[in-house]
Amino acid sequence: MDNRPIGVFDSGVGGLTVVRELRRILPQENIVYFGDTGRVPYGTRSRSTITRYTQQDIAFLESRDVKMIVIACGTASSVISKELGAKIKVPYTGVILPAAQAACSLTQKGVIGVIGTTATIRSGAYGKSIRSINSACKVIGRDCPLFVPLVENGLIEPQNPITRLTAQMYLEPLMQEGIDTLILGCTHYPLLYDLINDVIGYSAVLIDPGKETAHFVQNFLTTNNLLREEESPAVCQYFVSDSADQFTATASKFLGADLGGNVQQIEIEAIQGA
C-alpha cells in the first residue's frame, strides 16, 4: 500500500477529465492536480518550450511527494523522450498509449482519426503509437487549435454556434476520409464530447484519453500494490499558475462539484529541480 497522492498535470483545465475519471474509479486516492493556466495553451508552442514547461510541471509534482505522475496533456505527452522519461523519479504515464490501445481494439475498418493540438499532430505521436500496435491501421490527424481556448472559456454547450461551426470545419474532412474511430487527442476535447458526436452524426466511436488513462493508472497501482489504504476520506488539492478564482469557476463545471477554496496559485517558473 502507498498513501502518497497521485500527481496529475495539464496546461489548463483539460486534465480534469482525467481527475474526474480517477475520482470515479479510485475514490480512495488522494490527488494533486496542477493546471498551468498561466501558460495555456501548450499546443501552439515550440517543442523546446513545451519540453521546458513539462519538466517544470513534473518537478512541481515531485516536490509534492506523489507516487505516480499522470501527464494529462496530449501535447506534453508527445514530447516525453526516453531521456526525459528516465529523469522522472516516480512511475508515470502520458495519455497517448492508453488512447491508442483503445482505438486499435475498437476500430472495425482500421481507419482511425486523431484530433489534437498543432504540436501533438505535428509530432505524429499518436500515429506512431497506433502503428506500433497495429501496423495495418491508417491514421488521419487533424489539428484543432481553436478547441482549447473555446473550452478554457467555457464555450462547451452542444448548441453553442461558435464552437459548433469550429467543430464542423475541423471534423468534416475527417469524416470524408471514412474514419470509424476518433481519438480526442487532447484532454480538453472530451468536454466537447456531445457536440463532436452530434457534428459527426455518431458515425465514429469516440476515444476519451482521460478515461483510458485513468483505467491504465488503476491497473498499474493495483498490479504494483500501490493503492491507498482507505483510512480517511480522499483529498484533492488543486494548484494553478494563474488566477485561482477563474480556475475554480470553470473547473467546477467540468468536475460536477464545487472545489471550494481548495485551489492555490503558485509561481511555476520558480520551481527548482526542472
C-alpha atoms as a PDB file:
ATOM      1  CA  MET A   1       0.000   0.000   0.000  1.00  0.00           C
ATOM      2  CA  ASP A   2       1.109   3.569  -0.680  1.00  0.00           C
ATOM      3  CA  ASN A   3      -0.761   6.528   0.797  1.00  0.00           C
ATOM      4  CA  ARG A   4       1.039   9.186  -1.240  1.00  0.00           C
ATOM      5  CA  PRO A   5      -1.136  11.076  -3.740  1.00  0.00           C
ATOM      6  CA  ILE A   6      -1.365  10.661  -7.499  1.00  0.00           C
ATOM      7  CA  GLY A   7       0.024  13.699  -9.338  1.00  0.00           C
ATOM      8  CA  VAL A   8      -1.759  14.974 -12.436  1.00  0.00           C
ATOM      9  CA  PHE A   9      -0.876  17.947 -14.618  1.00  0.00           C
ATOM     10  CA  ASP A  10      -2.133  19.674 -17.732  1.00  0.00           C
ATOM     11  CA  SER A  11      -1.720  23.001 -19.476  1.00  0.00           C
ATOM     12  CA  GLY A  12      -5.090  24.142 -18.116  1.00  0.00           C
ATOM     13  CA  VAL A  13      -8.412  22.605 -17.131  1.00  0.00           C
ATOM     14  CA  GLY A  14      -8.475  19.755 -19.672  1.00  0.00           C
ATOM     15  CA  GLY A  15      -6.612  17.370 -17.394  1.00  0.00           C
ATOM     16  CA  LEU A  16      -9.572  17.500 -15.036  1.00  0.00           C
ATOM     17  CA  THR A  17     -11.196  14.972 -17.380  1.00  0.00           C
ATOM     18  CA  VAL A  18      -8.578  12.533 -16.066  1.00  0.00           C
ATOM     19  CA  VAL A  19      -9.146  13.633 -12.471  1.00  0.00           C
ATOM     20  CA  ARG A  20     -12.891  13.120 -12.884  1.00  0.00           C
ATOM     21  CA  GLU A  21     -12.348   9.531 -14.017  1.00  0.00           C
ATOM     22  CA  LEU A  22      -9.742   8.845 -11.326  1.00  0.00           C
ATOM     23  CA  ARG A  23     -12.151  10.053  -8.653  1.00  0.00           C
ATOM     24  CA  ARG A  24     -14.851   7.803 -10.100  1.00  0.00           C
ATOM     25  CA  ILE A  25     -12.862   4.553 -10.266  1.00  0.00           C
ATOM     26  CA  LEU A  26     -10.330   5.214  -7.460  1.00  0.00           C
ATOM     27  CA  PRO A  27     -12.344   7.251  -4.935  1.00  0.00           C
ATOM     28  CA  GLN A  28      -9.970   6.384  -2.092  1.00  0.00           C
ATOM     29  CA  GLU A  29      -6.941   8.011  -3.749  1.00  0.00           C
ATOM     30  CA  ASN A  30      -5.557  11.437  -2.872  1.00  0.00           C
ATOM     31  CA  ILE A  31      -4.811  13.594  -5.916  1.00  0.00           C
ATOM     32  CA  VAL A  32      -2.613  16.625  -6.532  1.00  0.00           C
ATOM     33  CA  TYR A  33      -3.529  18.491  -9.707  1.00  0.00           C
ATOM     34  CA  PHE A  34      -1.533  21.242 -11.383  1.00  0.00           C
ATOM     35  CA  GLY A  35      -3.059  23.291 -14.192  1.00  0.00           C
ATOM     36  CA  ASP A  36      -0.576  25.571 -15.936  1.00  0.00           C
ATOM     37  CA  THR A  37      -3.291  28.131 -16.611  1.00  0.00           C
ATOM     38  CA  GLY A  38      -0.825  30.999 -16.877  1.00  0.00           C
ATOM     39  CA  ARG A  39       0.841  29.486 -19.943  1.00  0.00           C
ATOM     40  CA  VAL A  40      -2.050  27.709 -21.668  1.00  0.00           C
ATOM     41  CA  PRO A  41      -2.190  26.605 -24.449  1.00  0.00           C
ATOM     42  CA  TYR A  42       0.894  24.427 -24.928  1.00  0.00           C
ATOM     43  CA  GLY A  43      -0.158  23.244 -28.365  1.00  0.00           C
ATOM     44  CA  THR A  44       1.000  26.331 -30.246  1.00  0.00           C
ATOM     45  CA  ARG A  45       4.455  26.450 -28.612  1.00  0.00           C
ATOM     46  CA  SER A  46       7.773  25.136 -29.928  1.00  0.00           C
ATOM     47  CA  ARG A  47       8.909  21.668 -28.891  1.00  0.00           C
ATOM     48  CA  SER A  48      11.717  23.098 -26.749  1.00  0.00           C
ATOM     49  CA  THR A  49       9.311  25.374 -24.881  1.00  0.00           C
ATOM     50  CA  ILE A  50       6.803  22.557 -24.310  1.00  0.00           C
ATOM     51  CA  THR A  51       9.608  20.346 -23.012  1.00  0.00           C
ATOM     52  CA  ARG A  52      10.761  23.049 -20.573  1.00  0.00           C
ATOM     53  CA  TYR A  53       7.223  23.608 -19.304  1.00  0.00           C
ATOM     54  CA  THR A  54       6.714  19.849 -18.925  1.00  0.00           C
ATOM     55  CA  GLN A  55       9.921  19.477 -16.902  1.00  0.00           C
ATOM     56  CA  GLN A  56       8.817  22.267 -14.561  1.00  0.00           C
ATOM     57  CA  ASP A  57       5.367  20.728 -14.135  1.00  0.00           C
ATOM     58  CA  ILE A  58       6.872  17.332 -13.315  1.00  0.00           C
ATOM     59  CA  ALA A  59       9.325  18.899 -10.845  1.00  0.00           C
ATOM     60  CA  PHE A  60       6.441  20.594  -9.026  1.00  0.00           C
ATOM     61  CA  LEU A  61       4.502  17.341  -8.661  1.00  0.00           C
ATOM     62  CA  GLU A  62       7.635  15.528  -7.493  1.00  0.00           C
ATOM     63  CA  SER A  63       8.039  18.238  -4.824  1.00  0.00           C
ATOM     64  CA  ARG A  64       4.571  17.228  -3.537  1.00  0.00           C
ATOM     65  CA  ASP A  65       5.800  13.650  -2.902  1.00  0.00           C
ATOM     66  CA  VAL A  66       3.474  11.927  -5.368  1.00  0.00           C
ATOM     67  CA  LYS A  67       3.666   8.178  -6.047  1.00  0.00           C
ATOM     68  CA  MET A  68       2.795   8.389  -9.740  1.00  0.00           C
ATOM     69  CA  ILE A  69       2.570  11.177 -12.311  1.00  0.00           C
ATOM     70  CA  VAL A  70      -0.123  11.404 -14.969  1.00  0.00           C
ATOM     71  CA  ILE A  71       0.790  13.672 -17.868  1.00  0.00           C
ATOM     72  CA  ALA A  72      -2.818  14.576 -18.611  1.00  0.00           C
ATOM     73  CA  CYS A  73      -1.933  16.635 -21.666  1.00  0.00           C
ATOM     74  CA  GLY A  74      -1.618  15.255 -25.181  1.00  0.00           C
ATOM     75  CA  THR A  75       0.885  17.939 -26.143  1.00  0.00           C
ATOM     76  CA  ALA A  76       3.145  17.330 -23.140  1.00  0.00           C
ATOM     77  CA  SER A  77       2.816  13.559 -23.587  1.00  0.00           C
ATOM     78  CA  SER A  78       4.041  13.897 -27.173  1.00  0.00           C
ATOM     79  CA  VAL A  79       7.389  15.430 -26.122  1.00  0.00           C
ATOM     80  CA  ILE A  80       8.351  12.860 -23.472  1.00  0.00           C
ATOM     81  CA  SER A  81      11.536  11.307 -24.846  1.00  0.00           C
ATOM     82  CA  LYS A  82      13.324   8.304 -23.349  1.00  0.00           C
ATOM     83  CA  GLU A  83      15.895  10.693 -21.916  1.00  0.00           C
ATOM     84  CA  LEU A  84      13.316  12.906 -20.250  1.00  0.00           C
ATOM     85  CA  GLY A  85      11.297   9.913 -19.053  1.00  0.00           C
ATOM     86  CA  ALA A  86      14.396   8.440 -17.413  1.00  0.00           C
ATOM     87  CA  LYS A  87      14.736  11.556 -15.247  1.00  0.00           C
ATOM     88  CA  ILE A  88      11.241  11.264 -13.758  1.00  0.00           C
ATOM     89  CA  LYS A  89      11.642   9.954 -10.223  1.00  0.00           C
ATOM     90  CA  VAL A  90       8.347   8.059  -9.952  1.00  0.00           C
ATOM     91  CA  PRO A  91       6.276   5.891 -12.326  1.00  0.00           C
ATOM     92  CA  TYR A  92       4.418   7.950 -14.913  1.00  0.00           C
ATOM     93  CA  THR A  93       2.108   7.706 -17.878  1.00  0.00           C
ATOM     94  CA  GLY A  94       1.015  10.015 -20.631  1.00  0.00           C
ATOM     95  CA  VAL A  95      -2.344   9.858 -22.377  1.00  0.00           C
ATOM     96  CA  ILE A  96      -1.200   8.689 -25.812  1.00  0.00           C
ATOM     97  CA  LEU A  97      -0.565   4.962 -25.351  1.00  0.00           C
ATOM     98  CA  PRO A  98      -3.789   4.197 -23.391  1.00  0.00           C
ATOM     99  CA  ALA A  99      -5.862   6.010 -26.036  1.00  0.00           C
ATOM    100  CA  ALA A 100      -4.033   4.310 -28.907  1.00  0.00           C
ATOM    101  CA  GLN A 101      -4.608   0.877 -27.368  1.00  0.00           C
ATOM    102  CA  ALA A 102      -8.336   1.582 -27.036  1.00  0.00           C
ATOM    103  CA  ALA A 103      -8.617   2.839 -30.619  1.00  0.00           C
ATOM    104  CA  CYS A 104      -6.873  -0.220 -32.028  1.00  0.00           C
ATOM    105  CA  SER A 105      -9.172  -2.535 -30.100  1.00  0.00           C
ATOM    106  CA  LEU A 106     -12.364  -0.767 -31.228  1.00  0.00           C
ATOM    107  CA  THR A 107     -11.753   0.115 -34.886  1.00  0.00           C
ATOM    108  CA  GLN A 108     -13.534  -2.100 -37.394  1.00  0.00           C
ATOM    109  CA  LYS A 109     -12.096  -0.715 -40.631  1.00  0.00           C
ATOM    110  CA  GLY A 110      -8.661   0.225 -39.350  1.00  0.00           C
ATOM    111  CA  VAL A 111      -9.195   3.900 -40.235  1.00  0.00           C
ATOM    112  CA  ILE A 112      -8.530   5.986 -37.130  1.00  0.00           C
ATOM    113  CA  GLY A 113      -8.873   9.743 -36.849  1.00  0.00           C
ATOM    114  CA  VAL A 114      -6.904  11.798 -34.352  1.00  0.00           C
ATOM    115  CA  ILE A 115      -7.645  15.384 -33.402  1.00  0.00           C
ATOM    116  CA  GLY A 116      -5.249  17.318 -31.206  1.00  0.00           C
ATOM    117  CA  THR A 117      -3.273  20.495 -30.782  1.00  0.00           C
ATOM    118  CA  THR A 118      -0.955  21.613 -33.557  1.00  0.00           C
ATOM    119  CA  ALA A 119       2.100  20.396 -31.621  1.00  0.00           C
ATOM    120  CA  THR A 120       0.570  16.974 -30.920  1.00  0.00           C
ATOM    121  CA  ILE A 121      -0.446  16.358 -34.524  1.00  0.00           C
ATOM    122  CA  ARG A 122       2.885  17.652 -35.815  1.00  0.00           C
ATOM    123  CA  SER A 123       4.742  15.208 -33.549  1.00  0.00           C
ATOM    124  CA  GLY A 124       2.946  12.202 -35.068  1.00  0.00           C
ATOM    125  CA  ALA A 125       2.985  10.602 -31.618  1.00  0.00           C
ATOM    126  CA  TYR A 126      -0.470   9.055 -31.853  1.00  0.00           C
ATOM    127  CA  GLY A 127       0.228   7.623 -35.306  1.00  0.00           C
ATOM    128  CA  LYS A 128       3.497   6.084 -34.118  1.00  0.00           C
ATOM    129  CA  SER A 129       1.818   4.563 -31.091  1.00  0.00           C
ATOM    130  CA  ILE A 130      -1.111   3.178 -33.107  1.00  0.00           C
ATOM    131  CA  ARG A 131       1.122   1.666 -35.787  1.00  0.00           C
ATOM    132  CA  SER A 132       3.323   0.058 -33.122  1.00  0.00           C
ATOM    133  CA  ILE A 133       0.194  -1.826 -32.018  1.00  0.00           C
ATOM    134  CA  ASN A 134      -1.305  -2.476 -35.472  1.00  0.00           C
ATOM    135  CA  SER A 135       0.820  -1.545 -38.466  1.00  0.00           C
ATOM    136  CA  ALA A 136      -2.149  -2.013 -40.814  1.00  0.00           C
ATOM    137  CA  CYS A 137      -4.099   0.908 -39.362  1.00  0.00           C
ATOM    138  CA  LYS A 138      -4.483   4.101 -41.356  1.00  0.00           C
ATOM    139  CA  VAL A 139      -4.179   7.171 -39.146  1.00  0.00           C
ATOM    140  CA  ILE A 140      -5.525  10.564 -40.195  1.00  0.00           C
ATOM    141  CA  GLY A 141      -4.643  13.524 -37.990  1.00  0.00           C
ATOM    142  CA  ARG A 142      -6.145  16.988 -37.815  1.00  0.00           C
ATOM    143  CA  ASP A 143      -5.024  19.802 -35.572  1.00  0.00           C
ATOM    144  CA  CYS A 144      -7.803  21.805 -33.898  1.00  0.00           C
ATOM    145  CA  PRO A 145      -6.062  24.815 -32.314  1.00  0.00           C
ATOM    146  CA  LEU A 146      -9.268  26.718 -31.519  1.00  0.00           C
ATOM    147  CA  PHE A 147     -10.756  23.986 -29.329  1.00  0.00           C
ATOM    148  CA  VAL A 148      -8.574  24.616 -26.264  1.00  0.00           C
ATOM    149  CA  PRO A 149      -9.355  28.346 -25.890  1.00  0.00           C
ATOM    150  CA  LEU A 150     -13.042  27.624 -26.508  1.00  0.00           C
ATOM    151  CA  VAL A 151     -13.047  25.033 -23.721  1.00  0.00           C
ATOM    152  CA  GLU A 152     -10.955  27.204 -21.383  1.00  0.00           C
ATOM    153  CA  ASN A 153     -13.580  29.922 -21.811  1.00  0.00           C
ATOM    154  CA  GLY A 154     -16.439  27.532 -21.037  1.00  0.00           C
ATOM    155  CA  LEU A 155     -17.970  27.513 -24.543  1.00  0.00           C
ATOM    156  CA  ILE A 156     -18.797  23.809 -24.427  1.00  0.00           C
ATOM    157  CA  GLU A 157     -22.568  23.614 -24.898  1.00  0.00           C
ATOM    158  CA  PRO A 158     -23.552  21.328 -27.821  1.00  0.00           C
ATOM    159  CA  GLN A 159     -25.549  24.117 -29.475  1.00  0.00           C
ATOM    160  CA  ASN A 160     -23.006  26.908 -28.999  1.00  0.00           C
ATOM    161  CA  PRO A 161     -22.844  28.393 -32.526  1.00  0.00           C
ATOM    162  CA  ILE A 162     -19.172  29.393 -32.418  1.00  0.00           C
ATOM    163  CA  THR A 163     -17.922  26.043 -31.123  1.00  0.00           C
ATOM    164  CA  ARG A 164     -20.258  24.122 -33.408  1.00  0.00           C
ATOM    165  CA  LEU A 165     -19.075  25.895 -36.570  1.00  0.00           C
ATOM    166  CA  THR A 166     -15.478  25.364 -35.476  1.00  0.00           C
ATOM    167  CA  ALA A 167     -16.112  21.637 -34.965  1.00  0.00           C
ATOM    168  CA  GLN A 168     -17.742  21.316 -38.378  1.00  0.00           C
ATOM    169  CA  MET A 169     -14.752  22.965 -40.026  1.00  0.00           C
ATOM    170  CA  TYR A 170     -12.309  20.589 -38.312  1.00  0.00           C
ATOM    171  CA  LEU A 171     -14.285  17.340 -38.452  1.00  0.00           C
ATOM    172  CA  GLU A 172     -15.924  17.236 -41.872  1.00  0.00           C
ATOM    173  CA  PRO A 173     -12.660  16.444 -43.722  1.00  0.00           C
ATOM    174  CA  LEU A 174     -12.034  13.528 -41.336  1.00  0.00           C
ATOM    175  CA  MET A 175     -15.474  12.086 -41.942  1.00  0.00           C
ATOM    176  CA  GLN A 176     -14.870  12.296 -45.689  1.00  0.00           C
ATOM    177  CA  GLU A 177     -11.854  10.029 -45.119  1.00  0.00           C
ATOM    178  CA  GLY A 178     -14.148   7.317 -43.722  1.00  0.00           C
ATOM    179  CA  ILE A 179     -12.835   7.113 -40.160  1.00  0.00           C
ATOM    180  CA  ASP A 180     -14.729   4.781 -37.832  1.00  0.00           C
ATOM    181  CA  THR A 181     -12.831   5.696 -34.661  1.00  0.00           C
ATOM    182  CA  LEU A 182     -11.827   9.154 -33.445  1.00  0.00           C
ATOM    183  CA  ILE A 183      -9.310   9.846 -30.700  1.00  0.00           C
ATOM    184  CA  LEU A 184      -9.983  13.085 -28.849  1.00  0.00           C
ATOM    185  CA  GLY A 185      -6.235  13.626 -28.640  1.00  0.00           C
ATOM    186  CA  CYS A 186      -6.251  16.470 -26.140  1.00  0.00           C
ATOM    187  CA  THR A 187      -7.728  16.160 -22.668  1.00  0.00           C
ATOM    188  CA  HIS A 188      -9.690  19.372 -23.242  1.00  0.00           C
ATOM    189  CA  TYR A 189     -11.633  17.768 -26.080  1.00  0.00           C
ATOM    190  CA  PRO A 190     -13.800  15.306 -24.080  1.00  0.00           C
ATOM    191  CA  LEU A 191     -15.525  18.374 -22.690  1.00  0.00           C
ATOM    192  CA  LEU A 192     -16.872  18.753 -26.240  1.00  0.00           C
ATOM    193  CA  TYR A 193     -17.818  15.047 -26.415  1.00  0.00           C
ATOM    194  CA  ASP A 194     -21.539  15.530 -27.033  1.00  0.00           C
ATOM    195  CA  LEU A 195     -21.009  18.344 -29.526  1.00  0.00           C
ATOM    196  CA  ILE A 196     -18.445  16.336 -31.515  1.00  0.00           C
ATOM    197  CA  ASN A 197     -20.672  13.264 -31.524  1.00  0.00           C
ATOM    198  CA  ASP A 198     -23.548  15.322 -32.849  1.00  0.00           C
ATOM    199  CA  VAL A 199     -21.469  17.017 -35.549  1.00  0.00           C
ATOM    200  CA  ILE A 200     -20.177  13.679 -36.904  1.00  0.00           C
ATOM    201  CA  GLY A 201     -23.624  12.102 -36.705  1.00  0.00           C
ATOM    202  CA  TYR A 202     -22.473   9.410 -34.262  1.00  0.00           C
ATOM    203  CA  SER A 203     -20.653   7.745 -37.170  1.00  0.00           C
ATOM    204  CA  ALA A 204     -17.388   7.045 -35.335  1.00  0.00           C
ATOM    205  CA  VAL A 205     -16.503   5.711 -31.892  1.00  0.00           C
ATOM    206  CA  LEU A 206     -15.016   8.493 -29.766  1.00  0.00           C
ATOM    207  CA  ILE A 207     -11.991   7.648 -27.631  1.00  0.00           C
ATOM    208  CA  ASP A 208     -11.642   9.684 -24.433  1.00  0.00           C
ATOM    209  CA  PRO A 209      -7.943   9.707 -23.413  1.00  0.00           C
ATOM    210  CA  GLY A 210      -8.831  10.746 -19.862  1.00  0.00           C
ATOM    211  CA  LYS A 211     -10.998   7.708 -19.286  1.00  0.00           C
ATOM    212  CA  GLU A 212      -8.486   5.309 -20.839  1.00  0.00           C
ATOM    213  CA  THR A 213      -5.597   6.817 -18.896  1.00  0.00           C
ATOM    214  CA  ALA A 214      -7.482   6.564 -15.604  1.00  0.00           C
ATOM    215  CA  HIS A 215      -8.031   2.852 -16.198  1.00  0.00           C
ATOM    216  CA  PHE A 216      -4.319   2.487 -17.003  1.00  0.00           C
ATOM    217  CA  VAL A 217      -3.466   4.120 -13.656  1.00  0.00           C
ATOM    218  CA  GLN A 218      -5.925   1.869 -11.824  1.00  0.00           C
ATOM    219  CA  ASN A 219      -4.357  -1.242 -13.338  1.00  0.00           C
ATOM    220  CA  PHE A 220      -0.809  -0.052 -12.622  1.00  0.00           C
ATOM    221  CA  LEU A 221      -1.449   0.824  -8.974  1.00  0.00           C
ATOM    222  CA  THR A 222      -3.353  -2.415  -8.382  1.00  0.00           C
ATOM    223  CA  THR A 223      -0.723  -4.609 -10.025  1.00  0.00           C
ATOM    224  CA  ASN A 224       2.123  -2.941  -8.122  1.00  0.00           C
ATOM    225  CA  ASN A 225       0.361  -2.845  -4.728  1.00  0.00           C
ATOM    226  CA  LEU A 226       0.391   0.959  -4.634  1.00  0.00           C
ATOM    227  CA  LEU A 227      -3.246   1.603  -3.755  1.00  0.00           C
ATOM    228  CA  ARG A 228      -4.006   3.819  -0.752  1.00  0.00           C
ATOM    229  CA  GLU A 229      -5.360   2.404   2.485  1.00  0.00           C
ATOM    230  CA  GLU A 230      -8.825   3.839   2.939  1.00  0.00           C
ATOM    231  CA  GLU A 231      -8.393   5.135   6.498  1.00  0.00           C
ATOM    232  CA  SER A 232      -9.781   8.621   5.862  1.00  0.00           C
ATOM    233  CA  PRO A 233     -11.651  10.441   3.087  1.00  0.00           C
ATOM    234  CA  ALA A 234      -9.612  11.176  -0.010  1.00  0.00           C
ATOM    235  CA  VAL A 235      -8.346  14.726  -0.569  1.00  0.00           C
ATOM    236  CA  CYS A 236      -7.862  16.510  -3.890  1.00  0.00           C
ATOM    237  CA  GLN A 237      -5.555  19.524  -3.976  1.00  0.00           C
ATOM    238  CA  TYR A 238      -5.522  21.881  -6.948  1.00  0.00           C
ATOM    239  CA  PHE A 239      -2.708  24.238  -7.961  1.00  0.00           C
ATOM    240  CA  VAL A 240      -2.616  26.706 -10.829  1.00  0.00           C
ATOM    241  CA  SER A 241      -0.153  29.210 -12.287  1.00  0.00           C
ATOM    242  CA  ASP A 242      -2.769  31.950 -12.831  1.00  0.00           C
ATOM    243  CA  SER A 243      -5.985  33.121 -11.164  1.00  0.00           C
ATOM    244  CA  ALA A 244      -7.353  30.590  -8.689  1.00  0.00           C
ATOM    245  CA  ASP A 245     -10.803  32.193  -8.816  1.00  0.00           C
ATOM    246  CA  GLN A 246     -11.120  31.837 -12.576  1.00  0.00           C
ATOM    247  CA  PHE A 247      -9.953  28.202 -12.431  1.00  0.00           C
ATOM    248  CA  THR A 248     -12.435  27.395  -9.661  1.00  0.00           C
ATOM    249  CA  ALA A 249     -15.404  28.733 -11.614  1.00  0.00           C
ATOM    250  CA  THR A 250     -14.502  26.754 -14.733  1.00  0.00           C
ATOM    251  CA  ALA A 251     -13.247  23.581 -13.053  1.00  0.00           C
ATOM    252  CA  SER A 252     -16.395  23.089 -11.010  1.00  0.00           C
ATOM    253  CA  LYS A 253     -18.388  22.694 -14.234  1.00  0.00           C
ATOM    254  CA  PHE A 254     -16.050  20.001 -15.507  1.00  0.00           C
ATOM    255  CA  LEU A 255     -15.852  18.029 -12.278  1.00  0.00           C
ATOM    256  CA  GLY A 256     -19.502  18.410 -11.359  1.00  0.00           C
ATOM    257  CA  ALA A 257     -18.507  19.510  -7.875  1.00  0.00           C
ATOM    258  CA  ASP A 258     -17.664  22.706  -6.025  1.00  0.00           C
ATOM    259  CA  LEU A 259     -13.920  22.999  -5.420  1.00  0.00           C
ATOM    260  CA  GLY A 260     -14.445  25.471  -2.617  1.00  0.00           C
ATOM    261  CA  GLY A 261     -11.243  27.212  -1.574  1.00  0.00           C
ATOM    262  CA  ASN A 262      -9.034  24.241  -2.299  1.00  0.00           C
ATOM    263  CA  VAL A 263      -7.098  25.948  -5.129  1.00  0.00           C
ATOM    264  CA  GLN A 264      -3.719  27.625  -4.719  1.00  0.00           C
ATOM    265  CA  GLN A 265      -1.800  29.773  -7.166  1.00  0.00           C
ATOM    266  CA  ILE A 266       1.924  29.063  -7.465  1.00  0.00           C
ATOM    267  CA  GLU A 267       4.867  30.531  -9.361  1.00  0.00           C
ATOM    268  CA  ILE A 268       5.781  27.623 -11.604  1.00  0.00           C
ATOM    269  CA  GLU A 269       8.853  29.331 -13.086  1.00  0.00           C
ATOM    270  CA  ALA A 270      10.398  29.376  -9.610  1.00  0.00           C
ATOM    271  CA  ILE A 271      10.205  25.586  -9.146  1.00  0.00           C
ATOM    272  CA  GLN A 272      13.633  24.070  -8.586  1.00  0.00           C
ATOM    273  CA  GLY A 273      14.784  20.720  -9.972  1.00  0.00           C
ATOM    274  CA  ALA A 274      13.438  21.042 -13.519  1.00  0.00           C
END
